[in-house]
Amino acid sequence: MEDARDDLDRAMLHLPPGARRDLGRLITRIDEEFARRTLPEPNNIELAMFGWWWTRMRER
């Protein structure tokens, strides 16, 4: 998940404004669901510089 979420952030940099807004709305919904289904991982807090999604734990 984390690598894929990074890819979405990179894609946003190259999209025209309309597509960026559309994808941004979708990413917001995905992020909300991911945050709802996961818990903070205090041992990975140093990874927050890469994106908050790197600091979440879930079942593996």
C-alpha atoms as a PDB file:
ATOM      1  CA  MET A   1       0.000   0.000   0.000  1.00  0.00           C
ATOM      2  CA  GLU A   2       2.672   2.511   0.978  1.00  0.00           C
ATOM      3  CA  ASP A   3       4.551   2.328  -2.314  1.00  0.00           C
ATOM      4  CA  ALA A   4       1.318   2.626  -4.276  1.00  0.00           C
ATOM      5  CA  ARG A   5       0.297   5.687  -2.250  1.00  0.00           C
ATOM      6  CA  ASP A   6       3.686   7.252  -3.005  1.00  0.00           C
ATOM      7  CA  ASP A   7       3.038   6.603  -6.702  1.00  0.00           C
ATOM      8  CA  LEU A   8      -0.280   8.455  -6.467  1.00  0.00           C
ATOM      9  CA  ASP A   9       1.464  11.482  -4.969  1.00  0.00           C
ATOM     10  CA  ARG A  10       4.018  11.466  -7.788  1.00  0.00           C
ATOM     11  CA  ALA A  11       1.271  11.134 -10.411  1.00  0.00           C
ATOM     12  CA  MET A  12      -0.512  14.170  -8.966  1.00  0.00           C
ATOM     13  CA  LEU A  13       2.546  16.304  -9.798  1.00  0.00           C
ATOM     14  CA  HIS A  14       2.175  15.618 -13.517  1.00  0.00           C
ATOM     15  CA  LEU A  15      -1.576  15.962 -14.008  1.00  0.00           C
ATOM     16  CA  PRO A  16      -3.405  18.988 -15.380  1.00  0.00           C
ATOM     17  CA  PRO A  17      -5.450  20.886 -12.760  1.00  0.00           C
ATOM     18  CA  GLY A  18      -8.831  19.241 -13.466  1.00  0.00           C
ATOM     19  CA  ALA A  19      -7.471  15.718 -13.357  1.00  0.00           C
ATOM     20  CA  ARG A  20      -5.433  16.601 -10.271  1.00  0.00           C
ATOM     21  CA  ARG A  21      -8.602  17.733  -8.467  1.00  0.00           C
ATOM     22  CA  ASP A  22     -10.470  14.585  -9.479  1.00  0.00           C
ATOM     23  CA  LEU A  23      -7.672  12.271  -8.399  1.00  0.00           C
ATOM     24  CA  GLY A  24      -7.206  14.318  -5.238  1.00  0.00           C
ATOM     25  CA  ARG A  25     -10.837  13.720  -4.239  1.00  0.00           C
ATOM     26  CA  LEU A  26     -10.402   9.992  -4.807  1.00  0.00           C
ATOM     27  CA  ILE A  27      -7.151   9.916  -2.844  1.00  0.00           C
ATOM     28  CA  THR A  28      -8.851  11.712   0.039  1.00  0.00           C
ATOM     29  CA  ARG A  29     -11.499   8.986   0.216  1.00  0.00           C
ATOM     30  CA  ILE A  30      -8.852   6.247  -0.006  1.00  0.00           C
ATOM     31  CA  ASP A  31      -6.785   7.924   2.728  1.00  0.00           C
ATOM     32  CA  GLU A  32      -9.798   8.240   5.022  1.00  0.00           C
ATOM     33  CA  GLU A  33     -10.623   4.562   4.609  1.00  0.00           C
ATOM     34  CA  PHE A  34      -7.004   3.513   5.124  1.00  0.00           C
ATOM     35  CA  ALA A  35      -6.762   5.618   8.291  1.00  0.00           C
ATOM     36  CA  ARG A  36     -10.025   4.118   9.537  1.00  0.00           C
ATOM     37  CA  ARG A  37      -8.818   0.549   9.006  1.00  0.00           C
ATOM     38  CA  THR A  38      -5.325   0.975  10.458  1.00  0.00           C
ATOM     39  CA  LEU A  39      -3.682   2.075  13.692  1.00  0.00           C
ATOM     40  CA  PRO A  40      -0.747   4.385  14.373  1.00  0.00           C
ATOM     41  CA  GLU A  41       2.594   2.566  14.507  1.00  0.00           C
ATOM     42  CA  PRO A  42       4.716   4.500  17.011  1.00  0.00           C
ATOM     43  CA  ASN A  43       7.867   2.585  16.049  1.00  0.00           C
ATOM     44  CA  ASN A  44       7.663   3.933  12.486  1.00  0.00           C
ATOM     45  CA  ILE A  45       7.222   7.609  13.320  1.00  0.00           C
ATOM     46  CA  GLU A  46      10.518   8.471  11.592  1.00  0.00           C
ATOM     47  CA  LEU A  47       8.896   7.369   8.326  1.00  0.00           C
ATOM     48  CA  ALA A  48       6.370  10.226   8.558  1.00  0.00           C
ATOM     49  CA  MET A  49       8.701  12.346   6.427  1.00  0.00           C
ATOM     50  CA  PHE A  50       7.789  10.044   3.517  1.00  0.00           C
ATOM     51  CA  GLY A  51       4.043  10.290   4.161  1.00  0.00           C
ATOM     52  CA  TRP A  52       1.683   9.681   7.040  1.00  0.00           C
ATOM     53  CA  TRP A  53       0.615   6.349   5.452  1.00  0.00           C
ATOM     54  CA  TRP A  54       4.075   4.932   6.273  1.00  0.00           C
ATOM     55  CA  THR A  55       3.328   5.324   9.996  1.00  0.00           C
ATOM     56  CA  ARG A  56       0.268   3.080  10.083  1.00  0.00           C
ATOM     57  CA  MET A  57       0.080  -0.591  11.067  1.00  0.00           C
ATOM     58  CA  ARG A  58      -2.365  -3.149   9.805  1.00  0.00           C
ATOM     59  CA  GLU A  59      -2.774  -6.886   9.705  1.00  0.00           C
ATOM     60  CA  ARG A  60      -0.241  -8.543   7.473  1.00  0.00           C
END
